[in-house]
N, C-alpha and C. Protein backbone atom coordinates (compact mmCIF):
# COMPACT_ATOMS: atom_id res chain seq x y z
N UNK A 1 -92.51 71.46 -1.83
CA UNK A 1 -93.25 71.29 -0.60
C UNK A 1 -92.62 72.17 0.48
N UNK A 2 -93.44 72.91 1.17
CA UNK A 2 -92.94 73.82 2.19
C UNK A 2 -92.44 73.05 3.40
N UNK A 3 -91.57 73.67 4.16
CA UNK A 3 -91.01 73.05 5.35
C UNK A 3 -92.10 72.70 6.35
N UNK A 4 -93.13 73.55 6.47
CA UNK A 4 -94.22 73.29 7.40
C UNK A 4 -94.96 72.00 7.06
N UNK A 5 -95.08 71.68 5.78
CA UNK A 5 -95.80 70.48 5.36
C UNK A 5 -95.03 69.20 5.65
N UNK A 6 -93.72 69.28 5.77
CA UNK A 6 -92.93 68.09 6.01
C UNK A 6 -93.15 67.54 7.41
N UNK A 7 -93.55 68.39 8.36
CA UNK A 7 -93.78 67.96 9.74
C UNK A 7 -95.13 68.46 10.20
N UNK A 8 -96.20 67.89 9.70
CA UNK A 8 -97.53 68.30 10.10
C UNK A 8 -97.79 67.87 11.53
N UNK A 9 -98.47 68.69 12.32
CA UNK A 9 -98.72 68.39 13.73
C UNK A 9 -99.92 67.47 13.94
N UNK A 10 -100.11 66.51 13.06
CA UNK A 10 -101.24 65.58 13.20
C UNK A 10 -100.76 64.16 12.87
N UNK A 11 -101.55 63.20 13.29
CA UNK A 11 -101.28 61.79 12.96
C UNK A 11 -102.50 61.28 12.21
N UNK A 12 -102.29 60.84 10.99
CA UNK A 12 -103.38 60.32 10.17
C UNK A 12 -103.73 58.91 10.65
N UNK A 13 -104.99 58.56 10.57
CA UNK A 13 -105.45 57.26 11.03
C UNK A 13 -105.92 56.38 9.88
N UNK A 14 -105.81 55.09 10.06
CA UNK A 14 -106.33 54.07 9.17
C UNK A 14 -105.96 54.28 7.71
N UNK A 15 -106.96 54.41 6.84
CA UNK A 15 -106.72 54.50 5.39
C UNK A 15 -106.86 55.93 4.88
N UNK A 16 -106.63 56.91 5.74
CA UNK A 16 -106.80 58.30 5.34
C UNK A 16 -105.54 58.85 4.68
N UNK A 17 -105.75 59.73 3.69
CA UNK A 17 -104.66 60.37 2.96
C UNK A 17 -104.94 61.87 2.97
N UNK A 18 -103.96 62.65 3.36
CA UNK A 18 -104.08 64.10 3.38
C UNK A 18 -103.31 64.65 2.19
N UNK A 19 -103.98 65.44 1.34
CA UNK A 19 -103.35 65.94 0.12
C UNK A 19 -103.52 67.46 0.03
N UNK A 20 -102.64 68.05 -0.77
CA UNK A 20 -102.73 69.48 -1.04
C UNK A 20 -102.79 69.68 -2.54
N UNK A 21 -103.80 70.42 -2.98
CA UNK A 21 -103.97 70.70 -4.39
C UNK A 21 -103.19 71.96 -4.72
N UNK A 22 -102.42 71.95 -5.81
CA UNK A 22 -101.72 73.17 -6.23
C UNK A 22 -102.74 74.26 -6.53
N UNK A 23 -102.40 75.50 -6.21
CA UNK A 23 -103.30 76.62 -6.47
C UNK A 23 -103.43 76.83 -7.97
N UNK A 24 -104.65 76.63 -8.48
CA UNK A 24 -104.89 76.80 -9.91
C UNK A 24 -106.22 77.51 -10.14
N UNK A 25 -106.57 78.40 -9.24
CA UNK A 25 -107.81 79.14 -9.42
C UNK A 25 -107.66 80.08 -10.61
N UNK A 26 -108.78 80.34 -11.24
CA UNK A 26 -108.75 81.25 -12.37
C UNK A 26 -108.85 80.51 -13.69
N UNK A 27 -108.35 81.15 -14.72
CA UNK A 27 -108.44 80.59 -16.06
C UNK A 27 -107.52 79.39 -16.21
N UNK A 28 -107.91 78.50 -17.12
CA UNK A 28 -107.12 77.31 -17.41
C UNK A 28 -107.01 77.17 -18.91
N UNK A 29 -105.82 76.84 -19.40
CA UNK A 29 -105.60 76.70 -20.83
C UNK A 29 -105.16 75.26 -21.14
N UNK A 30 -105.77 74.66 -22.17
CA UNK A 30 -105.40 73.31 -22.58
C UNK A 30 -104.11 73.37 -23.40
N UNK A 31 -103.52 72.20 -23.66
CA UNK A 31 -102.30 72.17 -24.46
C UNK A 31 -102.55 72.61 -25.89
N UNK A 32 -103.81 72.51 -26.35
CA UNK A 32 -104.16 72.95 -27.70
C UNK A 32 -104.41 74.45 -27.76
N UNK A 33 -104.40 75.13 -26.59
CA UNK A 33 -104.57 76.57 -26.57
C UNK A 33 -105.97 77.04 -26.26
N UNK A 34 -106.90 76.13 -25.99
CA UNK A 34 -108.27 76.53 -25.66
C UNK A 34 -108.28 77.08 -24.24
N UNK A 35 -108.90 78.24 -24.06
CA UNK A 35 -108.94 78.91 -22.77
C UNK A 35 -110.29 78.69 -22.11
N UNK A 36 -110.27 78.15 -20.86
CA UNK A 36 -111.49 77.99 -20.06
C UNK A 36 -111.49 79.08 -19.00
N UNK A 37 -112.52 79.95 -18.99
CA UNK A 37 -112.56 80.99 -17.96
C UNK A 37 -112.80 80.40 -16.58
N UNK A 38 -112.51 81.17 -15.54
CA UNK A 38 -112.65 80.70 -14.17
C UNK A 38 -114.09 80.35 -13.83
N UNK A 39 -115.05 80.95 -14.55
CA UNK A 39 -116.46 80.69 -14.27
C UNK A 39 -117.00 79.45 -14.97
N UNK A 40 -116.22 78.84 -15.85
CA UNK A 40 -116.69 77.66 -16.59
C UNK A 40 -116.75 76.46 -15.66
N UNK A 41 -117.83 75.71 -15.78
CA UNK A 41 -117.99 74.51 -14.97
C UNK A 41 -117.60 73.31 -15.82
N UNK A 42 -116.66 72.54 -15.31
CA UNK A 42 -116.21 71.34 -16.01
C UNK A 42 -116.72 70.15 -15.21
N UNK A 43 -117.61 69.38 -15.81
CA UNK A 43 -118.25 68.30 -15.06
C UNK A 43 -117.35 67.07 -14.97
N UNK A 44 -117.40 66.44 -13.83
CA UNK A 44 -116.74 65.16 -13.57
C UNK A 44 -115.26 65.15 -13.93
N UNK A 45 -114.55 66.21 -13.68
CA UNK A 45 -113.12 66.27 -13.97
C UNK A 45 -112.34 65.84 -12.74
N UNK A 46 -111.44 64.88 -12.90
CA UNK A 46 -110.59 64.43 -11.80
C UNK A 46 -109.47 65.44 -11.58
N UNK A 47 -108.91 65.45 -10.39
CA UNK A 47 -107.86 66.41 -10.04
C UNK A 47 -106.63 65.69 -9.49
N UNK A 48 -105.45 66.30 -9.71
CA UNK A 48 -104.19 65.79 -9.15
C UNK A 48 -103.88 66.57 -7.89
N UNK A 49 -103.29 65.89 -6.90
CA UNK A 49 -102.88 66.54 -5.67
C UNK A 49 -101.65 65.84 -5.11
N UNK A 50 -100.90 66.54 -4.29
CA UNK A 50 -99.69 66.00 -3.67
C UNK A 50 -100.01 65.45 -2.29
N UNK A 51 -99.52 64.25 -1.99
CA UNK A 51 -99.73 63.62 -0.69
C UNK A 51 -98.80 64.26 0.33
N UNK A 52 -99.36 64.69 1.48
CA UNK A 52 -98.54 65.30 2.52
C UNK A 52 -98.54 64.48 3.82
N UNK A 53 -99.52 63.58 4.00
CA UNK A 53 -99.56 62.73 5.19
C UNK A 53 -100.41 61.50 4.90
N UNK A 54 -100.09 60.39 5.59
CA UNK A 54 -100.78 59.11 5.37
C UNK A 54 -101.14 58.44 6.68
N UNK A 55 -102.23 57.69 6.68
CA UNK A 55 -102.56 56.83 7.79
C UNK A 55 -101.72 55.56 7.73
N UNK A 56 -101.67 54.80 8.82
CA UNK A 56 -100.80 53.62 8.88
C UNK A 56 -101.24 52.48 7.98
N UNK A 57 -102.48 52.47 7.50
CA UNK A 57 -102.96 51.37 6.66
C UNK A 57 -102.91 51.67 5.16
N UNK A 58 -102.41 52.81 4.77
CA UNK A 58 -102.33 53.17 3.35
C UNK A 58 -101.16 52.41 2.73
N UNK A 59 -101.43 51.68 1.63
CA UNK A 59 -100.39 50.86 1.01
C UNK A 59 -100.00 51.31 -0.39
N UNK A 60 -100.84 52.10 -1.05
CA UNK A 60 -100.60 52.41 -2.47
C UNK A 60 -99.91 53.74 -2.72
N UNK A 61 -99.78 54.58 -1.71
CA UNK A 61 -99.19 55.90 -1.91
C UNK A 61 -98.18 56.18 -0.81
N UNK A 62 -97.29 57.14 -1.08
CA UNK A 62 -96.31 57.60 -0.11
C UNK A 62 -96.32 59.13 -0.10
N UNK A 63 -95.80 59.71 0.97
CA UNK A 63 -95.72 61.17 1.07
C UNK A 63 -94.87 61.67 -0.10
N UNK A 64 -95.36 62.68 -0.79
CA UNK A 64 -94.66 63.24 -1.94
C UNK A 64 -95.23 62.76 -3.27
N UNK A 65 -95.98 61.66 -3.28
CA UNK A 65 -96.60 61.17 -4.52
C UNK A 65 -97.69 62.13 -4.97
N UNK A 66 -98.02 62.06 -6.25
CA UNK A 66 -99.18 62.77 -6.78
C UNK A 66 -100.28 61.75 -6.98
N UNK A 67 -101.49 62.09 -6.54
CA UNK A 67 -102.61 61.17 -6.66
C UNK A 67 -103.75 61.82 -7.43
N UNK A 68 -104.50 60.99 -8.13
CA UNK A 68 -105.65 61.44 -8.92
C UNK A 68 -106.91 61.06 -8.17
N UNK A 69 -107.81 62.02 -7.99
CA UNK A 69 -109.05 61.77 -7.25
C UNK A 69 -110.18 62.63 -7.80
N UNK A 70 -111.40 62.30 -7.40
CA UNK A 70 -112.56 63.09 -7.80
C UNK A 70 -112.79 64.18 -6.77
N UNK A 71 -112.85 65.44 -7.20
CA UNK A 71 -113.10 66.53 -6.25
C UNK A 71 -114.44 66.41 -5.52
N UNK A 72 -115.34 65.61 -6.03
CA UNK A 72 -116.63 65.42 -5.37
C UNK A 72 -116.51 64.53 -4.13
N UNK A 73 -115.46 63.71 -4.05
CA UNK A 73 -115.26 62.77 -2.93
C UNK A 73 -114.27 63.32 -1.92
N UNK A 74 -114.43 64.56 -1.52
CA UNK A 74 -113.41 65.14 -0.66
C UNK A 74 -114.00 65.85 0.55
N UNK A 75 -113.15 65.97 1.56
CA UNK A 75 -113.46 66.73 2.75
C UNK A 75 -112.31 67.70 2.97
N UNK A 76 -112.61 68.96 3.09
CA UNK A 76 -111.57 69.97 3.27
C UNK A 76 -111.30 70.17 4.75
N UNK A 77 -110.03 70.43 5.07
CA UNK A 77 -109.62 70.65 6.46
C UNK A 77 -108.51 71.69 6.47
N UNK A 78 -108.46 72.49 7.53
CA UNK A 78 -107.40 73.48 7.67
C UNK A 78 -106.46 73.03 8.78
N UNK A 79 -105.17 73.01 8.47
CA UNK A 79 -104.14 72.64 9.45
C UNK A 79 -103.06 73.71 9.39
N UNK A 80 -102.81 74.35 10.50
CA UNK A 80 -101.76 75.37 10.56
C UNK A 80 -101.96 76.51 9.58
N UNK A 81 -103.20 76.88 9.30
CA UNK A 81 -103.49 77.98 8.39
C UNK A 81 -103.47 77.59 6.92
N UNK A 82 -103.18 76.33 6.60
CA UNK A 82 -103.18 75.85 5.21
C UNK A 82 -104.37 74.93 4.97
N UNK A 83 -104.95 75.00 3.78
CA UNK A 83 -106.08 74.15 3.43
C UNK A 83 -105.60 72.85 2.80
N UNK A 84 -106.17 71.74 3.24
CA UNK A 84 -105.85 70.41 2.73
C UNK A 84 -107.14 69.68 2.43
N UNK A 85 -107.00 68.54 1.78
CA UNK A 85 -108.15 67.68 1.49
C UNK A 85 -107.89 66.31 2.08
N UNK A 86 -108.89 65.77 2.76
CA UNK A 86 -108.81 64.45 3.37
C UNK A 86 -109.52 63.45 2.47
N UNK A 87 -108.82 62.39 2.12
CA UNK A 87 -109.38 61.33 1.27
C UNK A 87 -109.24 59.99 1.97
N UNK A 88 -110.03 59.02 1.53
CA UNK A 88 -109.79 57.62 1.89
C UNK A 88 -108.95 57.03 0.77
N UNK A 89 -108.18 56.02 1.08
CA UNK A 89 -107.34 55.40 0.06
C UNK A 89 -108.18 54.89 -1.11
N UNK A 90 -109.37 54.40 -0.84
CA UNK A 90 -110.22 53.86 -1.91
C UNK A 90 -110.73 54.95 -2.86
N UNK A 91 -110.63 56.23 -2.46
CA UNK A 91 -111.06 57.34 -3.31
C UNK A 91 -109.98 57.76 -4.31
N UNK A 92 -108.78 57.18 -4.20
CA UNK A 92 -107.69 57.51 -5.10
C UNK A 92 -107.79 56.65 -6.35
N UNK A 93 -107.77 57.28 -7.52
CA UNK A 93 -107.90 56.57 -8.78
C UNK A 93 -106.56 56.17 -9.38
N UNK A 94 -105.51 56.94 -9.12
CA UNK A 94 -104.18 56.64 -9.68
C UNK A 94 -103.11 57.31 -8.83
N UNK A 95 -101.89 56.76 -8.90
CA UNK A 95 -100.74 57.32 -8.18
C UNK A 95 -99.63 57.56 -9.19
N UNK A 96 -99.03 58.74 -9.14
CA UNK A 96 -97.89 59.06 -10.00
C UNK A 96 -96.68 59.30 -9.10
N UNK A 97 -95.64 58.49 -9.31
CA UNK A 97 -94.43 58.63 -8.50
C UNK A 97 -93.24 58.13 -9.30
N UNK A 98 -92.07 58.66 -9.00
CA UNK A 98 -90.87 58.26 -9.73
C UNK A 98 -90.48 56.81 -9.46
N UNK A 99 -90.91 56.24 -8.34
CA UNK A 99 -90.56 54.85 -8.02
C UNK A 99 -91.37 53.83 -8.84
N UNK A 100 -92.44 54.28 -9.47
CA UNK A 100 -93.28 53.39 -10.27
C UNK A 100 -92.66 53.23 -11.64
N UNK A 101 -92.47 51.98 -12.06
CA UNK A 101 -91.87 51.72 -13.37
C UNK A 101 -92.84 52.13 -14.47
N UNK A 102 -92.35 52.90 -15.41
CA UNK A 102 -93.17 53.36 -16.52
C UNK A 102 -93.26 52.27 -17.59
N UNK A 103 -94.38 52.24 -18.28
CA UNK A 103 -94.55 51.33 -19.39
C UNK A 103 -94.94 52.13 -20.62
N UNK A 104 -95.59 51.51 -21.57
CA UNK A 104 -95.87 52.19 -22.83
C UNK A 104 -97.07 53.12 -22.75
N UNK A 105 -97.87 53.07 -21.71
CA UNK A 105 -99.04 53.94 -21.68
C UNK A 105 -99.52 54.20 -20.28
N UNK A 106 -100.59 54.97 -20.17
CA UNK A 106 -101.21 55.27 -18.89
C UNK A 106 -102.24 54.22 -18.59
N UNK A 107 -102.20 53.66 -17.42
CA UNK A 107 -103.19 52.68 -16.99
C UNK A 107 -103.81 53.18 -15.70
N UNK A 108 -105.10 53.50 -15.74
CA UNK A 108 -105.78 54.03 -14.56
C UNK A 108 -106.70 53.00 -13.97
């Protein structure tokens, strides 16, 4: 996380979560080696993003967590020349963080 992201010049309200998606434009390769070109459309694929700011009513995530959300449920915003995505807490499907105790499988 860049130094600029640690001190964003905004205050998030209510249940809003501000996230940044890692740059992954272009081709994508699966673990099995299948290559998807940048022009391929993948329907209904959820995306992971890093939380950079939270509203005061958010209870399930913290700054620095990775969250899973649907790219269709997003609003893009530019802050300080960087692009971010604004979500509501209810739009988050899962949270990945080191503070969460791991079990035998993934539960979404």
